[in-house]
Structures are given as structure tokens and as C-alpha cells.
């Protein structure tokens, strides 16, 4: 991140090495025991300034390419201290001064392949020419040394090639492991033992699942995939065990898709995948346990102690939005969730939101395509109408679904509202739109919050939600824009609550006779001009 900031690089989002197999284009990461950057290629990125000290923190790096930029200053000594560096390319920059002796020694000994051509102010000795001669001097009497350098460089090149081959083999082995899992599930007999792991996730046997769930004693929920049971691992961690039911429409294909995607994505606001079990017809997924259930259940809970205030709702909305933004922008290729809804937003003990259920998710095939042609899946009430009509899926379909989630958070109503008298089913967008067009936000906002919110903050969320639910996808915002708007709305609510708290504190102080009397600020009860 220091490199990104100092060199003003664009487009670096999320973890550089994760999801595994989808690291940033400019680098290569190792896998074991932990992801580490082993190759960084910033050739031709128009970098300016000196070579950053932050590069010295990449202790596992083997290949560093900074060629064809506008870097200046001296070659720093710390580059020679990188223990695993086998290739350093600094060609075609504006570097000056002597080349560190350690780098030259490593180059001459064959342990490092060093390229410094195209830097006219560099010199190979400590006593550089004061006239600023534009050429590195290599005298005839040093021809033997030059020959040694050439031979050593060739050896260094061989080492680089060998290192690259090793990395390719490691990548292939990782892909093979996923393939083995897929084939085992297809055959129906490949029971992966608990000792095998995939990106930190564990393969469990069915007998272990029975032990973890205490023979499936405590069911904590049920969804389209099947029943969810509470469980506890041997190390004490609580988990949610999703067991596929025979009536589930999600079969082997969705089961494999969820495993393969879940082991790739890692984010604070995504539900953490811990393991799986494939044993004949038993297809089981294991996730971290979220003690406060899902957002849909919380919004519909009539218990007064469970009613969320506006600040809590905004934080949940922002967390889920950041999780979805990561799937769209931080993953390579981008991932479309396809089933964003309040029941797939889970809440932990701190009421922090995490997006869950990736069984229907799709990875973007390539950067050229504008959409994916696929059969329509999703939950009624949340499905993008444009996707429903055209079968053309893109990230704006998730944006539409998230807009429905925002309307539910705002109003406390479900996505499909049933009229108590006529039993007519009304979509939440149809119910809310006429009220907002009249400027009547109070008839929309969940009355259980009893007016405890900043009016501008509420209006801002309503406007975001309506923008997300535009019928035409191109008119909808991106998730990055949604995240920024939600942050602004949360700041408005923070300002209101801090103002209210400070007023309460001042009221608790005894008033002197000389203190001026202040009238109540009506802005707390009436909306400010928009």
C-alpha cells in the first residue's frame, strides 16, 4: 500500500494475493505456508522519484522489474539485502551514482541477474566521473571481468527460468487439487480426509460432521439449500453447518461452485468458509457461526429489544455493500453474487454484517464481455427485471438486488408486501415510489425507529435505493459509488447523534442564573432544506 500511495498507482483493490489464483496482474504470489509476493513487475508504469524503501519489506520477493520508468537517485543498498532476489531489472531509468558493491558481487557470482543499462549517470565504481559522462566506462583491461559478468549473468538467467518453472508447477498443483475435489464429488466416492486442506478450508468426513453437530441436534435455520445446524469444532470454534436437503434445487454443480468460489474470496464482510463434506448424497458446507442470524429475521422481529436504530441499519448496509464491492472490484475475475437479499446478510455478535451464500455466484469470463448470457436464477422480489427479460447478467444485477435490500432496511417491509385487506402482492418499489415522489418520506420509514434519525440521512439512502432499482441497468450506480454514498449518509447520522448526546450532557449540568436560556433546536424534529 505504501508503494501504491507513493507511486500514485491506480486500480489496486483488495488483497494482492487473494483470492488465490486471482492475484493482481503485476505480481505473482507463493502459496505456502502463507501468501507472499515473490514477483513484482512495474515495467513501464511511468514511476517517478527514488526507489522506495517499502520495496525492501518484500522479503520473499525473487523477481523485481522496475525497468522503463523515470526513477532517479541512487540504487539503494537495501535491494542487495533482499535474501531471495534472483532478478533485478532497473533498465532505462534516470538512476545515478555508484552501483552498490554487494549487487555487483551477487551479479558477478551468479546469484543475481542485474540489468542496469539505459541509466547514463550510473557508474560501476565508488569514484564516479564528476563530469556526468553519459556512458558507463568499461576499459579493455577489464574485459576479463566483463566476460565473467556475462557468464554469471547467463547463470543468473538460468536460475530465473528454473524459479519460474517451479512457480508454474506450484500453480498447476494447486489447480490440480481443486480438480481432484471436483472429480471426487462427481464420482460420489471421493471422500477427502480431514487432513487435506484447500486454501485454509478443511475436508471433513461425515462421521466428523455428526460429532461437530452433536448428531444434528440444534437446527438454527433453513434456506433454499437445506437445513443449517449449529456446531462446534474441536478447537472450540462455533460453526454453521449447511446440509443439503433432497428437495433443494441446488445440486452438485452449485455445491462445487460454492466451494470453489468460497475458498477464493476473503473479506471482512464476507462469511468465512471453513470446510465441506462430500459423502455420497451428503453435500455439506461449513461456515463461521453468526450468532445474530440474518438481516431478514431481525427486520421482521417484533421484539422491541431487537428493533435496530438507524445507525445500526446504516452500518449493516455499509458492511454488506463493501462485501459486494469486493466481489465486483477486488476479485479477478469479478464475481456476481446473483442472490443478494436480506436473508443472505448475516449478523455476528457485534451486529456486523457479512454477505453469505455463494451457491449461485458467477465469475466474470473476461474483461471484454459486457454481460454473461445465462438462465435466470435468484429470489423473487430481488431479481433484476432487465436480467429477467434478457437473460443478460452483469454486476448491475447485483446492484438492483442491493437496492431492494436498502428499501427493506429503510422501511422494515419485505420485498413483496401483502395487502392486509385485498391480499394483493405489491413489490416494495411500487409501494415506496409514489410516497417518495410526493416527498412523503415519513410514511416510508420504519415507524419502530420513532423518528430517531437524521432526515437528510434517510432521504439520502432512499435516493440511493431508487437509483439502484432503475429498470435500465446502465443507469444504476456501481457498488463503489453506493459505498461512498452510504458513508456520507452514516456521517450525517453520526453528526445528529453526537449533537443529541452533547445536548443531553449539557442539560444534565446545573444552570447558573447568569447562563443564557436557549430554545430547542427544531432541526431535530423537522427535515432540513434539501
Protein backbone atom coordinates (compact mmCIF):
# COMPACT_ATOMS: atom_id res chain seq x y z
CA UNK A 1 0.00 0.00 0.00
CA UNK A 2 2.96 2.33 0.55
CA UNK A 3 4.11 1.57 -3.00
CA UNK A 4 0.62 2.30 -4.33
CA UNK A 5 0.44 5.61 -2.46
CA UNK A 6 3.90 6.94 -3.23
CA UNK A 7 3.87 5.96 -6.91
CA UNK A 8 0.20 7.01 -7.34
CA UNK A 9 -0.78 3.63 -8.79
CA UNK A 10 -4.43 3.05 -9.70
CA UNK A 11 -6.69 0.02 -9.55
CA UNK A 12 -5.08 -1.89 -6.67
CA UNK A 13 -8.05 -3.09 -4.58
CA UNK A 14 -8.36 -5.82 -2.00
CA UNK A 15 -5.65 -8.29 -1.12
CA UNK A 16 -2.88 -8.54 -3.76
CA UNK A 17 -2.56 -12.32 -3.39
CA UNK A 18 -6.12 -13.37 -2.57
CA UNK A 19 -8.36 -14.83 -3.87
CA UNK A 20 -5.76 -17.42 -4.71
CA UNK A 21 -5.33 -17.83 -8.43
CA UNK A 22 -6.64 -14.29 -8.99
CA UNK A 23 -3.78 -12.13 -7.73
CA UNK A 24 -3.06 -8.70 -9.19
CA UNK A 25 -1.72 -8.72 -12.75
CA UNK A 26 1.59 -7.11 -11.82
CA UNK A 27 2.68 -9.74 -9.34
CA UNK A 28 2.99 -13.42 -8.54
CA UNK A 29 2.41 -14.84 -5.06
CA UNK A 30 3.59 -18.01 -3.38
CA UNK A 31 1.07 -20.24 -1.61
CA UNK A 32 2.70 -21.92 1.34
CA UNK A 33 2.76 -21.55 4.21
CA UNK A 34 1.19 -18.10 3.73
CA UNK A 35 0.62 -15.92 0.63
CA UNK A 36 3.75 -13.87 -0.08
CA UNK A 37 4.68 -11.68 -3.07
CA UNK A 38 7.57 -13.31 -4.95
CA UNK A 39 7.47 -11.34 -8.22
CA UNK A 40 6.60 -7.68 -8.92
CA UNK A 41 6.62 -6.24 -12.45
CA UNK A 42 6.15 -2.44 -12.66
CA UNK A 43 7.90 -2.03 -16.01
CA UNK A 44 6.65 0.99 -17.99
CA UNK A 45 4.37 2.39 -15.26
CA UNK A 46 5.85 5.93 -15.52
CA UNK A 47 7.10 5.73 -11.93
CA UNK A 48 8.88 8.87 -10.72
CA UNK A 49 11.07 9.65 -7.73
CA UNK A 50 13.51 7.43 -5.91
CA UNK A 51 13.28 3.66 -5.44
CA UNK A 52 11.03 3.29 -2.40
CA UNK A 53 12.29 1.88 0.86
CA UNK A 54 8.98 -0.01 1.12
CA UNK A 55 10.20 -2.41 -1.56
CA UNK A 56 12.69 -3.68 1.00
CA UNK A 57 9.79 -5.05 3.06
CA UNK A 58 9.03 -7.65 0.38
CA UNK A 59 11.41 -10.13 1.95
CA UNK A 60 10.19 -13.10 -0.12
CA UNK A 61 10.48 -11.36 -3.49
CA UNK A 62 12.53 -13.17 -6.14
CA UNK A 63 11.93 -11.07 -9.27
CA UNK A 64 11.70 -7.25 -9.24
CA UNK A 65 11.23 -5.35 -12.51
CA UNK A 66 11.30 -1.52 -12.39
CA UNK A 67 12.53 -1.02 -15.96
CA UNK A 68 11.41 1.70 -18.39
CA UNK A 69 10.29 4.26 -15.81
CA UNK A 70 11.54 7.70 -14.69
CA UNK A 71 13.12 6.72 -11.40
CA UNK A 72 16.03 8.84 -10.20
CA UNK A 73 18.55 8.94 -7.38
CA UNK A 74 20.92 6.18 -6.31
CA UNK A 75 20.32 2.45 -6.32
CA UNK A 76 19.63 1.74 -2.63
CA UNK A 77 21.75 -0.75 -0.72
CA UNK A 78 18.69 -2.50 0.76
CA UNK A 79 17.97 -4.15 -2.60
CA UNK A 80 21.15 -6.17 -2.12
CA UNK A 81 19.85 -7.37 1.24
CA UNK A 82 16.68 -8.97 -0.13
CA UNK A 83 17.50 -12.62 0.67
CA UNK A 84 15.59 -14.31 -2.17
CA UNK A 85 16.10 -11.83 -5.00
CA UNK A 86 17.41 -13.52 -8.18
CA UNK A 87 16.46 -10.94 -10.83
CA UNK A 88 16.60 -7.12 -10.60
CA UNK A 89 15.76 -5.10 -13.73
CA UNK A 90 16.44 -1.34 -13.49
CA UNK A 91 16.99 -0.58 -17.18
CA UNK A 92 16.01 2.70 -18.87
CA UNK A 93 15.59 4.98 -15.85
CA UNK A 94 17.43 8.13 -14.63
CA UNK A 95 19.36 6.48 -11.82
CA UNK A 96 22.72 7.92 -10.85
CA UNK A 97 25.74 7.31 -8.66
CA UNK A 98 27.67 4.10 -7.98
CA UNK A 99 26.06 0.69 -8.17
CA UNK A 100 26.22 -0.90 -4.69
CA UNK A 101 29.16 -3.27 -4.45
CA UNK A 102 27.02 -6.04 -2.97
CA UNK A 103 24.75 -6.02 -6.01
CA UNK A 104 27.74 -6.18 -8.33
CA UNK A 105 29.24 -9.02 -6.30
CA UNK A 106 25.99 -11.00 -6.42
CA UNK A 107 25.75 -10.36 -10.16
CA UNK A 108 29.33 -11.49 -10.72
CA UNK A 109 28.86 -14.58 -8.56
CA UNK A 110 25.78 -15.64 -10.49
CA UNK A 111 23.32 -15.40 -7.57
CA UNK A 112 21.61 -12.33 -9.08
CA UNK A 113 20.73 -11.28 -12.63
CA UNK A 114 21.20 -7.46 -12.64
CA UNK A 115 20.14 -5.23 -15.56
CA UNK A 116 21.11 -1.54 -15.34
CA UNK A 117 21.52 -0.47 -18.99
CA UNK A 118 19.99 2.85 -20.05
CA UNK A 119 20.96 4.77 -16.88
CA UNK A 120 23.62 7.18 -18.25
CA UNK A 121 24.61 8.58 -14.85
CA UNK A 122 25.31 5.26 -13.18
CA UNK A 123 28.87 4.07 -12.72
CA UNK A 124 30.38 0.74 -11.69
CA UNK A 125 32.80 2.11 -9.07
CA UNK A 126 32.61 4.31 -5.99
CA UNK A 127 34.59 7.11 -7.71
CA UNK A 128 32.04 8.27 -10.30
CA UNK A 129 33.08 10.70 -13.05
CA UNK A 130 32.26 14.26 -11.92
CA UNK A 131 31.62 15.46 -15.46
CA UNK A 132 28.46 13.42 -15.63
CA UNK A 133 29.68 11.32 -18.54
CA UNK A 134 26.70 9.64 -20.14
CA UNK A 135 28.35 6.25 -20.60
CA UNK A 136 29.49 3.54 -18.24
CA UNK A 137 33.22 3.08 -18.80
CA UNK A 138 34.37 -0.46 -19.41
CA UNK A 139 38.09 -0.41 -20.28
CA UNK A 140 39.93 -3.05 -22.22
CA UNK A 141 41.86 -4.11 -19.18
CA UNK A 142 38.53 -5.07 -17.61
CA UNK A 143 37.45 -7.28 -20.48
CA UNK A 144 38.15 -10.41 -18.44
CA UNK A 145 35.91 -9.11 -15.67
CA UNK A 146 33.21 -8.32 -18.26
CA UNK A 147 33.43 -11.87 -19.56
CA UNK A 148 32.91 -13.17 -16.04
CA UNK A 149 29.92 -10.83 -15.65
CA UNK A 150 28.38 -12.16 -18.88
CA UNK A 151 28.85 -15.77 -17.79
CA UNK A 152 27.48 -15.02 -14.34
CA UNK A 153 24.52 -13.20 -15.86
CA UNK A 154 23.78 -16.22 -18.01
CA UNK A 155 23.83 -18.44 -14.94
CA UNK A 156 21.54 -15.98 -13.22
CA UNK A 157 19.17 -16.16 -16.16
CA UNK A 158 19.10 -19.94 -15.87
CA UNK A 159 18.21 -19.57 -12.19
CA UNK A 160 15.35 -17.21 -13.08
CA UNK A 161 13.99 -19.69 -15.63
CA UNK A 162 14.21 -22.51 -13.09
CA UNK A 163 12.41 -20.36 -10.50
CA UNK A 164 9.63 -19.55 -12.95
CA UNK A 165 9.22 -23.24 -13.82
CA UNK A 166 8.92 -24.08 -10.13
CA UNK A 167 6.22 -21.41 -9.70
CA UNK A 168 4.31 -22.74 -12.70
CA UNK A 169 4.43 -26.26 -11.25
CA UNK A 170 3.15 -24.98 -7.89
CA UNK A 171 0.25 -23.20 -9.59
CA UNK A 172 -0.61 -26.33 -11.57
CA UNK A 173 -0.52 -28.43 -8.41
CA UNK A 174 -2.94 -26.04 -6.72
CA UNK A 175 -5.34 -26.21 -9.69
CA UNK A 176 -5.00 -29.99 -9.69
CA UNK A 177 -6.11 -30.11 -6.08
CA UNK A 178 -9.36 -28.31 -6.95
CA UNK A 179 -9.79 -30.62 -9.94
CA UNK A 180 -9.35 -33.69 -7.72
CA UNK A 181 -12.10 -32.40 -5.44
CA UNK A 182 -14.40 -31.84 -8.41
CA UNK A 183 -13.78 -35.30 -9.83
CA UNK A 184 -14.22 -36.92 -6.42
CA UNK A 185 -17.58 -35.25 -5.96
CA UNK A 186 -18.67 -36.25 -9.46
CA UNK A 187 -17.84 -39.90 -8.86
CA UNK A 188 -19.54 -39.77 -5.47
CA UNK A 189 -16.91 -41.92 -3.78
CA UNK A 190 -14.09 -39.46 -3.22
CA UNK A 191 -14.19 -38.80 0.47
CA UNK A 192 -11.49 -36.24 1.17
CA UNK A 193 -9.95 -36.78 4.58
CA UNK A 194 -9.78 -34.16 7.27
CA UNK A 195 -6.03 -33.91 6.80
CA UNK A 196 -6.44 -32.42 3.32
CA UNK A 197 -6.94 -28.70 3.05
CA UNK A 198 -7.88 -26.22 0.38
CA UNK A 199 -6.80 -22.64 0.98
CA UNK A 200 -7.36 -22.99 4.71
CA UNK A 201 -10.67 -24.85 4.36
CA UNK A 202 -10.91 -28.39 5.68
CA UNK A 203 -12.43 -31.54 4.21
CA UNK A 204 -14.46 -33.38 6.86
CA UNK A 205 -15.80 -36.92 6.91
CA UNK A 206 -19.50 -37.48 7.56
CA UNK A 207 -18.76 -39.02 10.97
CA UNK A 208 -16.89 -35.85 11.92
CA UNK A 209 -19.89 -33.74 10.88
CA UNK A 210 -22.14 -35.88 13.12
CA UNK A 211 -19.76 -35.25 16.03
CA UNK A 212 -19.47 -31.50 15.30
CA UNK A 213 -23.27 -31.04 15.27
CA UNK A 214 -23.94 -33.44 18.15
CA UNK A 215 -25.90 -35.66 15.76
CA UNK A 216 -27.63 -32.66 14.13
CA UNK A 217 -29.31 -31.74 17.37
CA UNK A 218 -29.65 -27.95 17.02
CA UNK A 219 -31.21 -26.63 13.78
CA UNK A 220 -30.77 -22.85 13.60
CA UNK A 221 -32.27 -22.10 10.20
CA UNK A 222 -33.43 -23.30 6.84
CA UNK A 223 -32.89 -21.93 3.35
CA UNK A 224 -33.06 -22.91 -0.28
CA UNK A 225 -30.02 -25.15 0.13
CA UNK A 226 -31.27 -27.02 3.16
CA UNK A 227 -31.19 -27.00 6.96
CA UNK A 228 -28.49 -25.16 8.88
CA UNK A 229 -27.25 -26.72 12.13
CA UNK A 230 -25.20 -25.24 14.93
CA UNK A 231 -21.90 -26.99 15.56
CA UNK A 232 -18.64 -26.75 17.43
CA UNK A 233 -15.17 -27.71 16.18
CA UNK A 234 -12.58 -29.45 18.33
CA UNK A 235 -10.72 -26.16 18.85
CA UNK A 236 -13.88 -24.60 20.31
CA UNK A 237 -14.92 -22.51 17.32
CA UNK A 238 -18.67 -22.33 16.74
CA UNK A 239 -19.76 -23.06 13.17
CA UNK A 240 -22.86 -23.16 10.99
CA UNK A 241 -23.26 -26.46 9.13
CA UNK A 242 -25.37 -26.25 5.96
CA UNK A 243 -26.70 -29.66 4.96
CA UNK A 244 -28.25 -30.03 1.53
CA UNK A 245 -31.78 -31.38 1.57
CA UNK A 246 -33.16 -33.77 -1.05
CA UNK A 247 -35.72 -31.16 -2.08
CA UNK A 248 -33.09 -28.49 -2.76
CA UNK A 249 -32.82 -27.23 -6.32
CA UNK A 250 -29.12 -26.64 -5.75
CA UNK A 251 -27.35 -29.82 -6.74
CA UNK A 252 -23.77 -30.94 -7.22
CA UNK A 253 -22.97 -28.13 -9.65
CA UNK A 254 -23.95 -25.42 -7.15
CA UNK A 255 -22.23 -27.30 -4.32
CA UNK A 256 -18.93 -27.38 -6.23
CA UNK A 257 -19.36 -23.79 -7.37
CA UNK A 258 -19.82 -22.59 -3.81
CA UNK A 259 -16.74 -24.47 -2.57
CA UNK A 260 -14.50 -23.33 -5.42
CA UNK A 261 -15.62 -19.71 -5.03
CA UNK A 262 -15.64 -19.65 -1.23
CA UNK A 263 -12.02 -20.77 -0.96
CA UNK A 264 -11.00 -17.86 -3.21
CA UNK A 265 -12.76 -14.93 -1.54
CA UNK A 266 -11.57 -13.44 1.75
CA UNK A 267 -13.01 -10.21 3.09
CA UNK A 268 -14.11 -8.76 6.40
CA UNK A 269 -17.70 -8.50 5.20
CA UNK A 270 -17.99 -11.94 3.59
CA UNK A 271 -18.98 -15.00 5.62
CA UNK A 272 -15.84 -17.10 6.18
CA UNK A 273 -15.83 -20.58 4.63
CA UNK A 274 -14.27 -23.21 6.92
CA UNK A 275 -14.85 -26.60 5.34
CA UNK A 276 -17.02 -29.09 3.49
CA UNK A 277 -18.05 -32.73 3.40
CA UNK A 278 -18.87 -34.75 0.28
CA UNK A 279 -20.02 -38.25 1.16
CA UNK A 280 -22.31 -39.80 -1.42
CA UNK A 281 -25.54 -37.80 -1.37
CA UNK A 282 -24.42 -35.80 1.65
CA UNK A 283 -23.15 -32.42 0.48
CA UNK A 284 -22.34 -30.26 3.49
CA UNK A 285 -20.81 -26.78 3.81
CA UNK A 286 -19.31 -25.32 6.98
CA UNK A 287 -19.13 -21.58 7.69
CA UNK A 288 -18.35 -19.38 10.66
CA UNK A 289 -21.26 -19.07 13.06
CA UNK A 290 -23.13 -15.74 13.06
CA UNK A 291 -24.90 -15.51 16.40
CA UNK A 292 -27.49 -12.85 15.45
CA UNK A 293 -28.94 -14.70 12.49
CA UNK A 294 -29.81 -12.93 9.26
CA UNK A 295 -31.00 -9.42 8.49
CA UNK A 296 -34.41 -10.51 7.23
CA UNK A 297 -35.28 -12.19 10.53
CA UNK A 298 -34.01 -9.21 12.52
CA UNK A 299 -36.03 -6.68 10.49
CA UNK A 300 -39.23 -8.73 10.86
CA UNK A 301 -38.74 -9.46 14.57
CA UNK A 302 -41.48 -7.79 16.61
CA UNK A 303 -39.47 -7.98 19.84
CA UNK A 304 -38.83 -4.40 20.96
CA UNK A 305 -35.35 -5.31 22.20
CA UNK A 306 -34.41 -6.44 18.68
CA UNK A 307 -35.53 -3.27 16.87
CA UNK A 308 -32.49 -1.69 15.26
CA UNK A 309 -31.90 2.05 15.26
CA UNK A 310 -30.96 3.95 12.13
CA UNK A 311 -27.22 3.96 12.85
CA UNK A 312 -27.18 0.16 13.24
CA UNK A 313 -29.09 -0.26 9.98
CA UNK A 314 -26.69 2.03 8.13
CA UNK A 315 -23.64 0.15 9.42
CA UNK A 316 -25.17 -3.15 8.30
CA UNK A 317 -25.98 -1.71 4.87
CA UNK A 318 -22.46 -0.32 4.51
CA UNK A 319 -20.83 -3.61 5.54
CA UNK A 320 -22.88 -5.64 3.05
CA UNK A 321 -22.18 -3.06 0.34
CA UNK A 322 -18.43 -3.29 0.96
CA UNK A 323 -18.58 -7.08 0.74
CA UNK A 324 -20.40 -6.84 -2.58
CA UNK A 325 -17.99 -4.15 -3.82
CA UNK A 326 -15.11 -6.54 -3.10
CA UNK A 327 -16.71 -9.25 -5.24
CA UNK A 328 -17.18 -6.78 -8.12
CA UNK A 329 -13.94 -4.81 -7.89
CA UNK A 330 -11.47 -6.67 -5.68
CA UNK A 331 -11.71 -10.10 -7.32
CA UNK A 332 -10.09 -11.10 -10.60
CA UNK A 333 -12.17 -12.04 -12.46
CA UNK A 334 -15.06 -10.12 -10.85
CA UNK A 335 -17.78 -12.20 -9.20
CA UNK A 336 -21.53 -11.64 -9.46
CA UNK A 337 -23.38 -12.89 -6.39
CA UNK A 338 -26.79 -13.38 -8.08
CA UNK A 339 -28.71 -13.88 -4.83
CA UNK A 340 -28.29 -10.69 -2.81
CA UNK A 341 -31.14 -10.47 -0.27
CA UNK A 342 -31.67 -9.73 3.41
CA UNK A 343 -31.70 -13.42 4.37
CA UNK A 344 -28.20 -13.76 2.87
CA UNK A 345 -26.82 -10.93 5.02
CA UNK A 346 -25.75 -12.46 8.32
CA UNK A 347 -25.07 -10.66 11.62
CA UNK A 348 -22.44 -11.56 14.20
CA UNK A 349 -22.46 -10.88 17.93
CA UNK A 350 -21.46 -7.22 17.29
CA UNK A 351 -24.25 -6.82 14.71
CA UNK A 352 -21.67 -6.60 11.93
CA UNK A 353 -22.94 -7.71 8.53
CA UNK A 354 -21.40 -10.39 6.34
CA UNK A 355 -22.64 -11.40 2.90
CA UNK A 356 -23.22 -15.16 2.56
CA UNK A 357 -24.38 -17.96 0.22
CA UNK A 358 -22.32 -18.13 -2.98
CA UNK A 359 -24.03 -21.17 -4.49
CA UNK A 360 -25.47 -19.17 -7.40
CA UNK A 361 -22.49 -16.86 -7.93
CA UNK A 362 -20.83 -16.42 -11.31
CA UNK A 363 -17.27 -15.36 -12.12
CA UNK A 364 -16.87 -12.87 -14.97
CA UNK A 365 -15.40 -14.72 -18.01
CA UNK A 366 -13.17 -11.91 -19.31
CA UNK A 367 -12.78 -8.14 -19.33
CA UNK A 368 -14.08 -7.74 -22.90
CA UNK A 369 -17.61 -9.07 -22.36
CA UNK A 370 -20.27 -6.67 -21.11
CA UNK A 371 -22.54 -9.40 -19.76
CA UNK A 372 -23.00 -13.14 -19.24
CA UNK A 373 -25.84 -14.91 -21.04
CA UNK A 374 -27.29 -17.36 -18.54
CA UNK A 375 -30.55 -18.76 -17.25
CA UNK A 376 -32.27 -16.54 -14.71
CA UNK A 377 -31.81 -17.56 -11.07
CA UNK A 378 -32.40 -15.71 -7.84
CA UNK A 379 -35.17 -14.96 -5.37
CA UNK A 380 -38.49 -13.39 -6.44
CA UNK A 381 -38.64 -9.77 -5.38
CA UNK A 382 -34.88 -9.30 -5.72
CA UNK A 383 -34.27 -10.37 -9.34
CA UNK A 384 -33.22 -7.58 -11.72
CA UNK A 385 -36.11 -7.10 -14.21
CA UNK A 386 -33.68 -6.38 -17.06
CA UNK A 387 -31.83 -9.64 -16.35
CA UNK A 388 -35.17 -11.45 -16.10
CA UNK A 389 -36.25 -10.24 -19.57
CA UNK A 390 -32.95 -10.52 -21.46
CA UNK A 391 -31.08 -13.32 -19.61
CA UNK A 392 -28.08 -10.97 -19.74
CA UNK A 393 -26.30 -10.87 -16.40
CA UNK A 394 -23.77 -8.27 -15.20
CA UNK A 395 -22.75 -6.62 -11.94
CA UNK A 396 -25.65 -4.14 -12.16
CA UNK A 397 -27.99 -7.07 -11.48
CA UNK A 398 -26.45 -7.32 -8.00
CA UNK A 399 -26.82 -3.54 -7.64
CA UNK A 400 -30.58 -3.85 -8.27
CA UNK A 401 -30.92 -6.57 -5.63
CA UNK A 402 -28.95 -4.48 -3.15
CA UNK A 403 -31.30 -1.56 -3.81
CA UNK A 404 -34.18 -3.78 -2.68
CA UNK A 405 -32.19 -4.60 0.48
CA UNK A 406 -31.79 -0.86 1.17
CA UNK A 407 -35.55 -0.32 0.81
CA UNK A 408 -36.19 -3.12 3.32
CA UNK A 409 -33.68 -1.61 5.77
CA UNK A 410 -35.34 1.79 5.35
CA UNK A 411 -38.96 0.67 5.67
CA UNK A 412 -38.84 -2.57 7.64
CA UNK A 413 -41.08 -4.06 4.95
CA UNK A 414 -40.33 -7.26 2.96
CA UNK A 415 -39.53 -7.18 -0.76
CA UNK A 416 -43.03 -8.43 -1.56
CA UNK A 417 -45.70 -6.73 0.57
CA UNK A 418 -49.09 -8.43 1.00
CA UNK A 419 -52.01 -6.05 1.46
CA UNK A 420 -53.84 -6.99 4.64
CA UNK A 421 -57.30 -6.33 3.16
CA UNK A 422 -57.07 -7.37 -0.50
CA UNK A 423 -54.25 -9.89 -0.09
CA UNK A 424 -52.73 -8.27 -3.17
CA UNK A 425 -48.98 -8.76 -3.57
CA UNK A 426 -47.18 -5.44 -4.08
CA UNK A 427 -43.48 -5.10 -4.88
CA UNK A 428 -41.68 -2.82 -2.43
CA UNK A 429 -40.55 -0.48 -5.24
CA UNK A 430 -44.16 0.02 -6.33
CA UNK A 431 -45.18 0.68 -2.74
CA UNK A 432 -42.44 3.19 -1.95
CA UNK A 433 -42.13 5.14 -5.24
CA UNK A 434 -45.45 7.10 -5.04
CA UNK A 435 -44.69 8.22 -1.48
CA UNK A 436 -41.20 9.42 -2.35
CA UNK A 437 -42.49 11.27 -5.42
CA UNK A 438 -44.84 13.20 -3.11
CA UNK A 439 -41.94 13.93 -0.75
CA UNK A 440 -43.56 11.86 1.98
CA UNK A 441 -40.57 10.03 3.46
CA UNK A 442 -42.12 9.58 6.91
CA UNK A 443 -44.80 7.21 5.62
CA UNK A 444 -42.00 5.03 4.21
CA UNK A 445 -39.54 4.93 7.11
CA UNK A 446 -39.94 2.12 9.65
CA UNK A 447 -42.12 3.66 12.39
CA UNK A 448 -40.49 1.47 15.02
CA UNK A 449 -37.47 3.79 14.90
CA UNK A 450 -39.79 6.51 16.31
CA UNK A 451 -38.16 9.35 14.42
CA UNK A 452 -34.67 8.72 15.83
CA UNK A 453 -32.74 9.54 12.67
CA UNK A 454 -31.32 12.39 10.63
CA UNK A 455 -33.87 13.27 7.95
CA UNK A 456 -31.23 14.06 5.33
CA UNK A 457 -29.52 10.72 6.04
CA UNK A 458 -32.80 8.87 5.49
CA UNK A 459 -33.51 10.75 2.27
CA UNK A 460 -30.02 10.00 1.01
CA UNK A 461 -30.49 6.26 1.48
CA UNK A 462 -33.91 6.40 -0.19
CA UNK A 463 -32.36 8.14 -3.20
CA UNK A 464 -29.52 5.59 -3.36
CA UNK A 465 -32.03 2.74 -3.26
CA UNK A 466 -34.16 4.24 -6.03
CA UNK A 467 -31.06 4.78 -8.17
CA UNK A 468 -30.07 1.13 -7.65
CA UNK A 469 -33.52 -0.09 -8.71
CA UNK A 470 -33.68 1.75 -12.03
CA UNK A 471 -35.21 -0.51 -14.69
CA UNK A 472 -32.27 0.03 -17.05
CA UNK A 473 -29.01 -1.35 -15.65
CA UNK A 474 -26.73 1.26 -17.21
CA UNK A 475 -28.49 3.98 -15.20
CA UNK A 476 -27.69 2.28 -11.90
CA UNK A 477 -24.61 3.24 -9.85
CA UNK A 478 -21.66 0.93 -9.26
CA UNK A 479 -21.20 -0.66 -5.84
CA UNK A 480 -18.20 1.62 -5.24
CA UNK A 481 -20.49 4.63 -5.71
CA UNK A 482 -23.09 3.07 -3.42
CA UNK A 483 -20.45 2.54 -0.72
CA UNK A 484 -19.37 6.20 -0.90
CA UNK A 485 -22.97 7.43 -0.66
CA UNK A 486 -23.70 5.19 2.32
CA UNK A 487 -20.62 6.53 4.09
CA UNK A 488 -21.97 10.03 3.57
CA UNK A 489 -25.35 9.03 4.98
CA UNK A 490 -23.71 7.43 8.01
CA UNK A 491 -21.69 10.59 8.65
CA UNK A 492 -24.92 12.62 8.69
CA UNK A 493 -26.38 10.26 11.28
CA UNK A 494 -23.18 10.40 13.35
CA UNK A 495 -23.41 14.20 13.38
CA UNK A 496 -27.04 14.07 14.54
CA UNK A 497 -26.40 11.55 17.32
CA UNK A 498 -23.32 13.39 18.60
CA UNK A 499 -25.30 16.64 18.62
CA UNK A 500 -28.12 14.98 20.55
CA UNK A 501 -25.69 13.45 23.06
CA UNK A 502 -23.91 16.75 23.67
CA UNK A 503 -27.27 18.46 24.27
CA UNK A 504 -28.25 15.78 26.80
CA UNK A 505 -24.96 16.20 28.62
CA UNK A 506 -25.37 19.97 28.78
CA UNK A 507 -28.90 19.55 30.20
CA UNK A 508 -27.54 17.35 32.98
CA UNK A 509 -25.29 20.22 34.15
CA UNK A 510 -26.78 22.64 36.71
CA UNK A 511 -27.71 26.02 35.20
CA UNK A 512 -26.42 29.23 36.72
CA UNK A 513 -28.71 32.24 36.90
CA UNK A 514 -26.31 34.09 34.61
CA UNK A 515 -26.47 31.41 31.88
CA UNK A 516 -28.48 32.40 28.78
CA UNK A 517 -31.65 30.42 28.07
CA UNK A 518 -31.55 28.58 24.73
CA UNK A 519 -34.61 27.48 22.76
CA UNK A 520 -34.95 23.93 21.47
CA UNK A 521 -33.43 23.38 18.03
CA UNK A 522 -36.36 22.49 15.75
CA UNK A 523 -33.98 20.92 13.20
CA UNK A 524 -34.06 17.74 15.27
CA UNK A 525 -37.75 17.30 14.54
CA UNK A 526 -38.20 18.80 11.08
CA UNK A 527 -36.24 18.00 7.91
CA UNK A 528 -33.58 20.44 6.85
CA UNK A 529 -33.87 22.06 3.38
CA UNK A 530 -32.63 19.66 0.69
